[in-house]
Protein backbone atom coordinates (compact mmCIF):
# COMPACT_ATOMS: atom_id res chain seq x y z
CA MET A 1 108.55 -56.76 -65.65
CA THR A 2 106.97 -58.04 -69.54
CA LEU A 3 105.66 -61.44 -67.67
CA ALA A 4 103.83 -59.18 -65.02
CA LEU A 5 102.40 -56.86 -67.75
CA VAL A 6 101.12 -59.91 -69.42
CA ALA A 7 99.59 -61.74 -66.50
CA PHE A 8 98.14 -58.56 -65.66
CA VAL A 9 96.40 -57.96 -69.14
CA ARG A 10 95.39 -61.13 -69.39
CA LEU A 11 93.72 -61.33 -65.59
CA TYR A 12 92.00 -57.93 -67.08
CA PHE A 13 90.38 -59.41 -69.85
CA ILE A 14 89.56 -62.15 -68.31
CA THR A 15 87.67 -60.55 -65.32
CA HIS A 16 85.62 -57.85 -67.35
CA ARG A 17 84.49 -59.95 -70.60
CA GLY A 18 82.95 -62.39 -67.51
CA GLU A 19 81.54 -58.61 -66.70
CA ARG A 20 80.68 -57.90 -69.70
CA ARG A 21 78.03 -61.16 -70.12
CA VAL A 22 76.30 -60.34 -67.21
CA GLU A 23 75.73 -56.73 -67.62
CA SER A 24 74.82 -57.39 -71.37
CA PRO A 25 71.89 -60.56 -71.28
CA PRO A 26 70.88 -61.27 -74.83
CA PRO A 27 67.29 -58.94 -75.30
CA ALA A 28 64.07 -61.05 -74.55
CA PRO A 29 61.74 -61.95 -77.36
CA ALA A 30 58.85 -59.93 -78.73
CA SER A 31 55.16 -60.59 -77.09
CA ALA A 32 53.67 -61.76 -79.90
CA SER A 33 50.82 -58.40 -79.50
CA ASP A 34 54.46 -56.46 -80.05
CA GLN A 35 55.10 -58.38 -83.29
CA ALA A 36 52.02 -57.89 -84.72
CA CYS A 37 51.52 -53.82 -84.03
CA ARG A 38 54.64 -53.75 -86.49
CA THR A 39 53.55 -55.26 -88.53
CA LEU A 40 50.07 -54.20 -88.60
CA GLU A 41 50.53 -50.85 -90.63
CA ARG A 42 51.99 -53.67 -93.75
CA ALA A 43 49.17 -55.94 -93.12
CA LEU A 44 46.69 -53.23 -93.85
CA GLU A 45 48.23 -51.34 -96.81
CA GLY A 46 47.50 -54.85 -98.19
CA ALA A 47 44.21 -55.00 -97.36
CA VAL A 48 43.60 -51.25 -98.95
CA ARG A 49 45.55 -52.78 -101.77
CA ALA A 50 43.81 -55.48 -102.48
CA PRO A 51 39.94 -55.27 -100.99
CA GLY A 52 38.60 -58.42 -102.79
CA ASN A 53 41.57 -60.80 -101.80
CA PRO A 54 40.56 -62.86 -98.90
CA ALA A 55 43.71 -63.73 -97.92
CA ALA A 56 44.53 -60.17 -97.65
CA PHE A 57 42.04 -59.10 -95.39
CA THR A 58 42.19 -62.30 -93.39
CA ARG A 59 46.23 -61.17 -92.45
CA ALA A 60 45.14 -57.88 -91.91
CA ARG A 61 42.34 -58.81 -89.46
CA GLN A 62 44.85 -61.49 -87.33
CA GLN A 63 47.57 -58.93 -87.42
CA LEU A 64 44.48 -56.37 -86.11
CA ASP A 65 43.04 -58.69 -83.38
CA ALA A 66 46.39 -59.18 -82.11
CA CYS A 67 47.51 -55.56 -80.98
CA PRO A 68 45.53 -54.11 -78.59
CA LYS A 69 47.22 -50.42 -78.50
CA PRO A 70 47.65 -50.11 -83.02
CA PRO A 71 50.39 -47.39 -83.54
CA VAL A 72 50.22 -44.17 -85.07
CA ARG A 73 50.92 -44.96 -88.57
CA ALA A 74 48.67 -47.72 -88.90
CA CYS A 75 45.38 -45.84 -87.11
CA GLU A 76 46.71 -43.34 -90.20
CA LEU A 77 44.92 -45.65 -92.89
CA GLY A 78 41.62 -45.46 -91.57
CA PRO A 79 41.20 -43.18 -94.04
CA ALA A 80 41.96 -45.32 -96.67
CA LEU A 81 39.74 -47.86 -95.45
CA ASP A 82 37.06 -46.18 -95.64
CA ALA A 83 37.37 -44.91 -98.83
CA ARG A 84 38.08 -48.30 -100.34
CA SER A 85 35.23 -49.85 -98.56
CA GLN A 86 32.82 -47.14 -100.23
CA LEU A 87 34.47 -47.30 -103.84
CA GLU A 88 34.79 -50.86 -103.98
CA ALA A 89 31.36 -53.08 -104.29
CA GLY A 90 30.99 -56.07 -101.97
CA ALA A 91 34.25 -54.91 -99.96
CA PRO A 92 32.21 -54.98 -96.03
CA PRO A 93 35.26 -56.63 -94.49
CA LEU A 94 37.15 -53.35 -94.68
CA ARG A 95 34.43 -51.52 -93.20
CA GLU A 96 34.67 -53.86 -90.33
CA LEU A 97 38.53 -53.54 -89.98
CA LEU A 98 37.82 -49.54 -89.95
CA GLU A 99 35.41 -50.50 -87.11
CA THR A 100 38.15 -52.44 -85.06
CA LEU A 101 40.71 -50.23 -85.43
CA CYS A 102 38.44 -46.90 -84.48
CA GLN A 103 37.64 -49.15 -81.29
CA ARG A 104 41.15 -49.08 -80.37
CA CYS A 105 43.26 -45.95 -81.49
CA GLN A 106 43.77 -43.57 -78.98
CA ALA A 107 42.26 -40.25 -79.05
CA GLY A 108 44.27 -37.74 -81.46
CA ALA A 109 45.00 -40.44 -84.17
CA ASN A 110 41.79 -42.02 -84.15
CA PRO A 111 39.84 -42.73 -87.69
CA CYS A 112 36.31 -42.40 -86.73
CA ALA A 113 36.91 -39.26 -84.60
CA SER A 114 38.89 -37.52 -87.09
CA HIS A 115 35.88 -37.99 -89.51
CA VAL A 116 33.34 -36.80 -87.15
CA THR A 117 35.74 -33.53 -86.46
CA ARG A 118 36.41 -32.62 -90.29
CA ALA A 119 32.67 -33.52 -91.19
CA VAL A 120 31.32 -30.98 -88.70
CA LEU A 121 33.35 -28.46 -89.40
CA GLY A 122 32.78 -28.76 -93.26
CA LEU A 123 28.97 -28.49 -92.30
CA MET A 124 29.75 -25.54 -90.39
CA ALA A 125 31.28 -23.87 -93.86
CA GLY A 126 28.50 -24.86 -95.56
CA ARG A 127 29.19 -28.32 -96.93
CA PRO A 128 26.84 -31.36 -96.59
CA THR A 129 27.02 -34.21 -94.96
CA ASP A 130 24.84 -37.07 -94.12
CA SER A 131 24.05 -37.09 -90.55
CA SER A 132 23.23 -40.66 -90.30
CA ASN A 133 26.04 -41.63 -91.80
CA LEU A 134 27.90 -40.14 -89.72
CA ARG A 135 26.64 -41.34 -86.48
CA TRP A 136 27.92 -44.49 -87.22
CA TYR A 137 31.43 -42.92 -87.41
CA LEU A 138 30.83 -41.71 -83.51
CA GLU A 139 29.41 -44.56 -82.30
CA HIS A 140 32.49 -46.31 -82.97
CA ALA A 141 35.13 -43.80 -82.14
CA GLY A 142 36.08 -45.64 -78.94
CA PRO A 143 38.82 -43.91 -77.42
CA GLY A 144 38.76 -40.74 -79.49
CA THR A 145 34.90 -40.23 -78.32
CA PRO A 146 35.60 -37.17 -75.95
CA GLU A 147 37.73 -35.62 -78.53
CA ALA A 148 34.22 -35.59 -81.56
CA CYS A 149 32.12 -35.03 -78.79
CA ALA A 150 33.78 -32.08 -77.70
CA GLU A 151 33.99 -30.33 -81.04
CA VAL A 152 30.25 -31.65 -81.38
CA SER A 153 29.69 -29.24 -78.32
CA ARG A 154 31.56 -26.36 -79.65
CA ALA A 155 29.80 -25.97 -82.86
CA LEU A 156 26.59 -27.52 -82.89
CA LEU A 157 25.34 -27.99 -78.74
CA ALA A 158 26.36 -24.58 -77.59
CA PRO A 159 25.01 -22.23 -80.61
CA ALA A 160 21.68 -23.95 -80.28
CA ALA A 161 21.88 -22.85 -76.71
CA LEU A 162 21.96 -18.95 -78.11
CA PRO A 163 18.82 -16.47 -78.08
CA GLN A 164 19.87 -16.03 -81.87
CA ASP A 165 18.97 -19.26 -83.96
CA SER A 166 22.15 -19.67 -86.25
CA LEU A 167 21.93 -22.95 -87.26
CA THR A 168 20.91 -24.28 -90.46
CA ASP A 169 18.25 -27.27 -90.78
CA ALA A 170 21.32 -29.21 -91.85
CA GLN A 171 23.43 -28.67 -88.98
CA LYS A 172 20.31 -28.90 -86.47
CA GLU A 173 19.50 -32.27 -88.22
CA THR A 174 23.09 -33.49 -87.65
CA LEU A 175 22.77 -32.36 -83.95
CA GLY A 176 19.94 -34.48 -83.42
CA GLN A 177 22.07 -37.34 -84.76
CA LEU A 178 25.00 -37.10 -82.84
CA ALA A 179 23.85 -36.25 -79.62
CA PRO A 180 22.40 -38.71 -78.36
CA VAL A 181 25.68 -40.85 -78.93
CA CYS A 182 27.80 -38.09 -76.78
CA ALA A 183 24.35 -38.11 -74.00
CA LYS A 184 24.62 -42.22 -73.88
CA ALA A 185 28.86 -41.18 -73.68
CA GLY A 186 28.49 -38.52 -70.44
CA GLN A 187 30.34 -36.39 -72.98
CA PHE A 188 28.23 -33.62 -73.11
CA PRO A 189 28.20 -31.18 -70.43
CA ALA A 190 24.49 -30.78 -68.84
CA ASN A 191 24.23 -27.31 -68.12
CA VAL A 192 24.38 -26.40 -72.23
CA LEU A 193 22.55 -29.62 -72.76
CA HIS A 194 19.70 -27.61 -70.52
CA ALA A 195 20.36 -24.58 -71.79
CA ALA A 196 19.66 -25.78 -75.50
CA VAL A 197 16.41 -27.50 -74.45
CA VAL A 198 15.33 -24.76 -73.17
CA ARG A 199 15.79 -22.36 -76.02
CA GLY A 200 13.60 -24.93 -78.06
CA GLY A 201 15.30 -25.09 -81.21
CA VAL A 202 16.60 -28.58 -81.92
CA PRO A 203 13.28 -30.84 -80.71
CA ALA A 204 15.16 -33.94 -80.60
CA LEU A 205 17.49 -32.53 -77.78
CA THR A 206 14.57 -33.08 -75.30
CA GLN A 207 14.44 -36.60 -74.92
CA LEU A 208 17.98 -36.34 -73.76
CA VAL A 209 16.78 -35.00 -70.55
CA GLN A 210 15.23 -36.55 -67.40
CA GLU A 211 12.67 -34.97 -66.47
CA LYS A 212 12.68 -32.00 -64.03
CA PRO A 213 13.08 -33.79 -60.50
CA ALA A 214 10.87 -32.52 -57.91
CA GLY A 215 12.56 -31.00 -54.80
CA GLU A 216 12.05 -28.05 -52.78
CA SER A 217 13.19 -24.52 -54.24
CA ALA A 218 12.95 -21.33 -52.94
CA VAL A 219 12.98 -17.73 -53.99
CA LEU A 220 16.68 -16.35 -55.66
CA LYS A 221 17.54 -12.97 -54.27
CA PRO A 222 20.60 -11.74 -56.71
CA ASP A 223 24.16 -10.45 -55.10
CA ARG A 224 23.50 -7.19 -57.21
CA THR A 225 21.97 -5.67 -60.10
CA VAL A 226 23.99 -4.02 -63.30
CA GLY A 227 22.47 -1.65 -66.10
CA THR A 228 19.49 0.93 -65.05
CA PRO A 229 20.12 2.67 -61.65
CA GLY A 230 17.46 1.40 -59.54
CA GLY A 231 16.74 -2.09 -60.84
CA GLU A 232 17.35 -4.06 -57.17
CA LYS A 233 13.70 -2.76 -57.33
CA SER A 234 12.27 -5.57 -59.49
CA PHE A 235 14.25 -7.80 -57.54
CA ASP A 236 13.13 -7.35 -54.12
CA GLU A 237 9.91 -9.45 -53.53
CA GLN A 238 7.68 -6.00 -53.16
CA GLU A 239 5.11 -6.00 -56.03
CA ALA A 240 4.37 -2.22 -55.73
CA THR A 241 7.76 -1.08 -56.72
CA GLY A 242 9.71 -1.53 -60.16
CA VAL A 243 12.03 0.45 -62.81
CA ALA A 244 11.45 1.74 -66.48
CA LEU A 245 13.46 0.30 -68.45
CA ALA A 246 14.03 1.46 -72.28
CA ALA A 247 15.12 -0.94 -75.06
CA LYS A 248 17.95 1.23 -77.05
CA PRO A 249 21.08 -0.53 -75.92
CA GLN A 250 23.19 1.45 -74.03
CA GLY A 251 26.36 0.15 -73.67
CA GLU A 252 28.88 -2.73 -74.91
CA ARG A 253 27.60 -4.97 -72.37
CA TRP A 254 24.03 -4.79 -73.99
CA GLU A 255 24.15 -8.17 -75.50
CA LYS A 256 24.50 -10.25 -72.45
CA ASP A 257 23.25 -7.49 -69.71
CA GLY A 258 20.28 -6.34 -71.55
CA ALA A 259 18.64 -3.42 -70.02
CA LEU A 260 18.92 -4.70 -66.26
CA SER A 261 21.03 -7.61 -65.10
CA ALA A 262 20.32 -9.73 -61.88
CA VAL A 263 23.44 -11.40 -61.13
CA PHE A 264 24.02 -14.49 -58.87
CA GLU A 265 27.90 -15.00 -57.31
CA PRO A 266 28.41 -17.46 -57.30
CA PRO A 267 26.03 -18.96 -60.24
CA VAL A 268 22.78 -20.13 -59.31
CA ARG A 269 23.19 -24.42 -58.95
CA GLN A 270 19.74 -24.82 -60.99
CA LEU A 271 16.89 -22.54 -61.90
CA SER A 272 13.46 -23.81 -62.11
CA ALA A 273 10.36 -21.52 -62.34
CA LEU A 274 10.26 -18.00 -63.58
CA ARG A 275 7.17 -15.08 -63.65
CA VAL A 276 7.35 -11.71 -64.23
CA ARG A 277 5.44 -8.43 -63.44
CA ALA A 278 5.71 -5.85 -65.86
CA SER A 279 4.06 -3.46 -68.16
CA GLY A 280 5.53 -3.76 -71.52
CA PRO A 281 6.34 -6.87 -73.66
CA GLY A 282 10.21 -8.09 -73.22
CA THR A 283 12.36 -10.86 -72.63
CA LEU A 284 14.12 -12.46 -69.60
CA ARG A 285 18.03 -14.36 -71.05
CA ALA A 286 19.69 -16.49 -68.46
CA ALA A 287 23.34 -16.95 -68.76
CA VAL A 288 24.76 -20.25 -68.14
CA ARG A 289 28.30 -20.07 -66.81
CA THR A 290 30.23 -22.43 -69.47
CA THR A 291 33.78 -24.33 -69.23
CA ASN A 292 35.97 -25.39 -72.18
CA GLY A 293 35.13 -21.76 -73.78
CA LEU A 294 31.51 -23.20 -75.06
CA GLY A 295 29.39 -20.25 -76.56
CA LYS A 296 30.20 -16.54 -76.12
CA HIS A 297 32.98 -14.89 -74.09
CA ASP A 298 32.52 -12.44 -71.57
CA PRO A 299 35.93 -10.31 -71.33
CA ASP A 300 35.40 -8.47 -68.09
CA SER A 301 35.02 -11.87 -66.00
CA ARG A 302 37.10 -13.48 -68.90
CA THR A 303 34.36 -16.21 -68.38
CA SER A 304 32.07 -18.43 -71.36
CA PHE A 305 28.59 -18.24 -71.28
CA VAL A 306 25.22 -19.31 -73.54
CA ASP A 307 22.58 -17.25 -72.80
CA PRO A 308 18.64 -19.20 -73.58
CA VAL A 309 15.30 -16.95 -73.55
CA ALA A 310 13.80 -18.39 -70.44
CA CYS A 311 11.11 -16.61 -70.22
CA ARG A 312 8.99 -14.33 -72.94
CA PHE A 313 6.46 -12.05 -71.54
CA LYS A 314 3.47 -9.70 -72.61
CA GLY A 315 3.40 -7.27 -69.96
CA THR A 316 0.12 -7.24 -68.76
CA GLY A 317 0.22 -5.58 -65.43
CA GLN A 318 -0.34 -9.15 -64.24
CA TRP A 319 2.09 -11.99 -63.31
CA GLU A 320 2.98 -14.01 -65.98
CA SER A 321 4.40 -17.46 -65.28
CA CYS A 322 7.30 -19.13 -67.39
CA GLU A 323 7.40 -22.90 -67.72
CA LEU A 324 11.27 -24.23 -68.21
CA PRO A 325 10.70 -27.72 -69.85
CA VAL A 326 13.89 -28.44 -67.94
CA PRO A 327 15.68 -26.41 -64.68
CA LEU A 328 18.30 -24.59 -66.05
CA LEU A 329 22.18 -25.04 -64.42
CA ASP A 330 25.29 -22.94 -63.38
CA VAL A 331 23.11 -19.61 -63.92
CA GLU A 332 24.83 -16.50 -63.23
CA ALA A 333 22.54 -13.66 -64.47
CA LEU A 334 18.94 -12.95 -65.77
CA SER A 335 19.06 -10.39 -68.13
CA VAL A 336 16.02 -8.15 -68.92
CA PHE A 337 15.38 -7.21 -72.82
CA PRO A 338 12.80 -4.99 -73.63
CA GLU A 339 11.18 -5.57 -77.06
CA LYS A 340 9.49 -2.18 -77.68
CA ASP A 341 10.54 1.41 -76.30
CA THR A 342 9.80 1.24 -72.79
CA LEU A 343 8.47 -1.42 -70.07
CA THR A 344 7.89 -0.78 -66.46
CA LEU A 345 9.65 -4.07 -64.60
CA ASN A 346 7.44 -4.73 -61.02
CA GLU A 347 8.73 -8.00 -60.14
CA VAL A 348 10.65 -10.95 -61.50
CA GLU A 349 10.56 -14.10 -59.52
CA ALA A 350 12.88 -16.99 -59.88
CA ARG A 351 12.91 -19.93 -57.99
CA GLY A 352 15.07 -22.32 -57.81
CA THR A 353 18.44 -24.22 -55.63
CA ARG A 354 21.33 -21.70 -54.80
C-alpha cells in the first residue's frame, strides 16, 4: 500500500510538472518601442533638468522617436519642456521635443491642446495672451486638435455669432489667429462659422468660407409664427397685408422670438437672401440651430442656437433687400425686432433651400 502511494505521488508530480512547463512559457521580450516608451519619461526629465546638455537631448530624442504613443506621464512633461525652452536661452532643442510630443500625445493628455484650452479660458477671464504664439501650439496639437478647437468654438466662435458684440478686441484677434487652423482641420461647425461671418464682428473669418454657391432657391414659407397674433400675414406673399409690431418686450421668449418669429420645422438647410417691406426700422435675427451646446440655450425645445442679425431695414414702406455675405445654414427661425415704438411689417421674403 505504501509503495503504491509513493508511486502515485511521483507519477502525479512528473505529469503536472510537464503541464506547468507547457502552460507557462517564458514571457516574450518587450519590443523596442515598448522599451522606449517605458524609459521616455526619465529621458525627458533628464532633458528638462539639463537643457544645454547635448547628450541628454540626444537620449530624449532617440527615445521619443522610437515611441509612437507616449504614455500619459511622459505627456505630462510637456509644460515643463515648454517652460524650460522659454526660460533657457539657446534651448530650441527642447521646443523640438515638445513639438514631437504634442504630435503624438493623445487627446486629454496632449500638452499643446491643453495649453490652448488654458490660454483661451484665461483670455475669457481677462488674462492677456500672445495670440500669434498660441497659434503655434494649436498647429502642433496633433490628436488633441479636436479638443482644442472645441474650446475655441465654444468660447470664441459662438459668441462671435451672437447679436451682441460681447468679444473684446484681444479675443477677436485671438479668434482671427486660431480660426484658420481649426477651419483647415475641419474642426469648426460650418453653420456657426457662417453665422459669425454674417454677424461681421471678426472680418478675418470671411476668408475661411467659400464663396456663396450658385444654385436654385425658392421662397421659404414658415411652418408657423409665434408672438404677435396675425403674424402669418407678414409671410403670406401678399404685400397688402401685414401686422403692427410693438418694440416693448412681451414675454420671457423675447430674446429669441422678438415681436414676431417665423419658425421652420425642420430647420432650413440654407438661407441665401432676405428682403423686407415695412414701415418703421427694425432688424431680423436668424436663429441657427447648433449642436454641443454652442451659443444660447432654448429651455422649451432643449436645443441650442446662435442668432446673428441677418438684416437691418429702415422701414421706408418699399422693398429693402439684405445681402448675405454667405448663406446661413440650419436656420430654425427668423425673428423681427422693432427699433422704435412700433412698426408695420407688410412682408418678409426669405429665399433658400429646405
